[in-house]
Amino acid sequence: MYLRKEAQARAFLAEPVTPTDLTSYPLIAAEIGITAQSATQVAQVYINLAFQWESVGAALETVRLGAINSIETATNASQITQTLTSFFTAMEAFNAPA
C-alpha cells in the first residue's frame, strides 16, 4: 500500500499543472481532509514518509541481517545468546522516544 501511495504521490507531483480531477490518484483523494487539507499536501506527506521509511528501513536491515549472519556463523549457544541480546537492545533503540 505504501509503495502505491508513494507512486501516486510522485506521479501527482510530477504533473505540470496540479490536477483537479483526482480519478488517477484515489489514495491521495481518500486522505484529503484527514492526512492533510489538499491533494498536494497529502502527496507531499507520502513522499516525506517514504523518505523516512527508507532511512529507518536501512538501519533496521543492518541490525536484522547482522543478527542473522552472527547466528548463522555462531559456533556455540553463548554466541547466539549474545547476538540475540544485542539484537533486542538495538531494536529497543528504534522504540525510544526522539
C-alpha atoms as a PDB file:
ATOM      1  CA  MET A   1       0.000   0.000   0.000  1.00  0.00           C
ATOM      2  CA  TYR A   2       2.748   2.413   0.946  1.00  0.00           C
ATOM      3  CA  LEU A   3       4.575   1.818  -2.332  1.00  0.00           C
ATOM      4  CA  ARG A   4       1.373   2.629  -4.218  1.00  0.00           C
ATOM      5  CA  LYS A   5       0.914   5.790  -2.174  1.00  0.00           C
ATOM      6  CA  GLU A   6       4.454   6.844  -2.958  1.00  0.00           C
ATOM      7  CA  ALA A   7       3.981   6.087  -6.665  1.00  0.00           C
ATOM      8  CA  GLN A   8       0.765   8.105  -6.794  1.00  0.00           C
ATOM      9  CA  ALA A   9       2.415  10.975  -4.940  1.00  0.00           C
ATOM     10  CA  ARG A  10       5.384  11.047  -7.313  1.00  0.00           C
ATOM     11  CA  ALA A  11       3.104  10.972 -10.360  1.00  0.00           C
ATOM     12  CA  PHE A  12       0.807  13.645  -8.900  1.00  0.00           C
ATOM     13  CA  LEU A  13       3.669  15.980  -8.001  1.00  0.00           C
ATOM     14  CA  ALA A  14       5.266  15.458 -11.424  1.00  0.00           C
ATOM     15  CA  GLU A  15       2.189  16.809 -13.218  1.00  0.00           C
ATOM     16  CA  PRO A  16       2.968  20.140 -14.916  1.00  0.00           C
ATOM     17  CA  VAL A  17      -0.307  21.566 -13.582  1.00  0.00           C
ATOM     18  CA  THR A  18      -1.842  20.452 -10.291  1.00  0.00           C
ATOM     19  CA  PRO A  19      -4.628  18.022 -11.200  1.00  0.00           C
ATOM     20  CA  THR A  20      -8.156  18.901 -10.153  1.00  0.00           C
ATOM     21  CA  ASP A  21      -9.503  15.517 -11.297  1.00  0.00           C
ATOM     22  CA  LEU A  22      -8.159  13.006  -8.818  1.00  0.00           C
ATOM     23  CA  THR A  23      -9.518   9.894 -10.547  1.00  0.00           C
ATOM     24  CA  SER A  24      -5.965   8.746 -11.259  1.00  0.00           C
ATOM     25  CA  TYR A  25      -4.983   9.375  -7.632  1.00  0.00           C
ATOM     26  CA  PRO A  26      -7.599   7.591  -5.490  1.00  0.00           C
ATOM     27  CA  LEU A  27      -5.321   7.063  -2.496  1.00  0.00           C
ATOM     28  CA  ILE A  28      -4.474  10.747  -2.355  1.00  0.00           C
ATOM     29  CA  ALA A  29      -8.124  11.732  -2.812  1.00  0.00           C
ATOM     30  CA  ALA A  30      -9.179   9.428   0.039  1.00  0.00           C
ATOM     31  CA  GLU A  31      -6.974  11.243   2.533  1.00  0.00           C
ATOM     32  CA  ILE A  32      -7.810  14.868   1.749  1.00  0.00           C
ATOM     33  CA  GLY A  33      -9.116  16.434   4.935  1.00  0.00           C
ATOM     34  CA  ILE A  34      -7.669  13.594   7.026  1.00  0.00           C
ATOM     35  CA  THR A  35      -3.941  13.442   6.395  1.00  0.00           C
ATOM     36  CA  ALA A  36      -3.751  16.983   5.006  1.00  0.00           C
ATOM     37  CA  GLN A  37      -6.067  19.659   3.632  1.00  0.00           C
ATOM     38  CA  SER A  38      -5.166  19.413  -0.061  1.00  0.00           C
ATOM     39  CA  ALA A  39      -4.120  16.767  -2.566  1.00  0.00           C
ATOM     40  CA  THR A  40      -0.722  18.421  -2.928  1.00  0.00           C
ATOM     41  CA  GLN A  41      -0.189  18.329   0.820  1.00  0.00           C
ATOM     42  CA  VAL A  42      -1.249  14.667   1.026  1.00  0.00           C
ATOM     43  CA  ALA A  43       1.156  13.801  -1.795  1.00  0.00           C
ATOM     44  CA  GLN A  44       3.975  15.620  -0.023  1.00  0.00           C
ATOM     45  CA  VAL A  45       3.238  13.723   3.206  1.00  0.00           C
ATOM     46  CA  TYR A  46       3.508  10.458   1.250  1.00  0.00           C
ATOM     47  CA  ILE A  47       6.889  11.499  -0.170  1.00  0.00           C
ATOM     48  CA  ASN A  48       8.163  12.591   3.242  1.00  0.00           C
ATOM     49  CA  LEU A  49       7.064   9.320   4.845  1.00  0.00           C
ATOM     50  CA  ALA A  50       8.674   7.292   2.068  1.00  0.00           C
ATOM     51  CA  PHE A  51      11.967   9.077   2.702  1.00  0.00           C
ATOM     52  CA  GLN A  52      11.697   8.449   6.457  1.00  0.00           C
ATOM     53  CA  TRP A  53      10.854   4.771   5.961  1.00  0.00           C
ATOM     54  CA  GLU A  54      13.826   4.360   3.639  1.00  0.00           C
ATOM     55  CA  SER A  55      16.145   5.732   6.315  1.00  0.00           C
ATOM     56  CA  VAL A  56      14.636   3.633   9.090  1.00  0.00           C
ATOM     57  CA  GLY A  57      14.416   0.579   6.835  1.00  0.00           C
ATOM     58  CA  ALA A  58      18.105   0.744   6.031  1.00  0.00           C
ATOM     59  CA  ALA A  59      19.010   0.884   9.704  1.00  0.00           C
ATOM     60  CA  LEU A  60      16.635  -1.973  10.526  1.00  0.00           C
ATOM     61  CA  GLU A  61      18.079  -4.120   7.753  1.00  0.00           C
ATOM     62  CA  THR A  62      21.592  -3.594   9.086  1.00  0.00           C
ATOM     63  CA  VAL A  63      20.527  -4.795  12.534  1.00  0.00           C
ATOM     64  CA  ARG A  64      18.395  -7.664  11.218  1.00  0.00           C
ATOM     65  CA  LEU A  65      20.853  -9.005   8.661  1.00  0.00           C
ATOM     66  CA  GLY A  66      23.787  -8.581  11.027  1.00  0.00           C
ATOM     67  CA  ALA A  67      21.994 -10.671  13.638  1.00  0.00           C
ATOM     68  CA  ILE A  68      21.120 -13.366  11.107  1.00  0.00           C
ATOM     69  CA  ASN A  69      24.733 -13.541   9.955  1.00  0.00           C
ATOM     70  CA  SER A  70      26.020 -13.734  13.531  1.00  0.00           C
ATOM     71  CA  ILE A  71      23.609 -16.532  14.409  1.00  0.00           C
ATOM     72  CA  GLU A  72      24.427 -18.492  11.254  1.00  0.00           C
ATOM     73  CA  THR A  73      28.154 -18.285  11.948  1.00  0.00           C
ATOM     74  CA  ALA A  74      27.946 -18.828  15.717  1.00  0.00           C
ATOM     75  CA  THR A  75      29.848 -21.818  16.995  1.00  0.00           C
ATOM     76  CA  ASN A  76      28.107 -22.117  20.360  1.00  0.00           C
ATOM     77  CA  ALA A  77      24.940 -21.221  22.242  1.00  0.00           C
ATOM     78  CA  SER A  78      26.645 -18.416  24.148  1.00  0.00           C
ATOM     79  CA  GLN A  79      27.399 -16.547  20.917  1.00  0.00           C
ATOM     80  CA  ILE A  80      23.766 -16.907  19.844  1.00  0.00           C
ATOM     81  CA  THR A  81      22.552 -15.607  23.208  1.00  0.00           C
ATOM     82  CA  GLN A  82      24.924 -12.654  22.983  1.00  0.00           C
ATOM     83  CA  THR A  83      23.730 -11.904  19.431  1.00  0.00           C
ATOM     84  CA  LEU A  84      20.085 -12.038  20.488  1.00  0.00           C
ATOM     85  CA  THR A  85      20.744  -9.738  23.443  1.00  0.00           C
ATOM     86  CA  SER A  86      22.481  -7.250  21.154  1.00  0.00           C
ATOM     87  CA  PHE A  87      19.694  -7.553  18.586  1.00  0.00           C
ATOM     88  CA  PHE A  88      16.926  -6.852  21.102  1.00  0.00           C
ATOM     89  CA  THR A  89      18.874  -3.924  22.557  1.00  0.00           C
ATOM     90  CA  ALA A  90      19.302  -2.447  19.076  1.00  0.00           C
ATOM     91  CA  MET A  91      15.618  -2.950  18.292  1.00  0.00           C
ATOM     92  CA  GLU A  92      14.609  -1.215  21.525  1.00  0.00           C
ATOM     93  CA  ALA A  93      16.553   1.835  20.366  1.00  0.00           C
ATOM     94  CA  PHE A  94      14.069   2.158  17.475  1.00  0.00           C
ATOM     95  CA  ASN A  95      11.255   2.441  20.039  1.00  0.00           C
ATOM     96  CA  ALA A  96      12.961   5.080  22.149  1.00  0.00           C
ATOM     97  CA  PRO A  97      11.260   8.485  22.113  1.00  0.00           C
ATOM     98  CA  ALA A  98      13.047  11.048  19.988  1.00  0.00           C
END
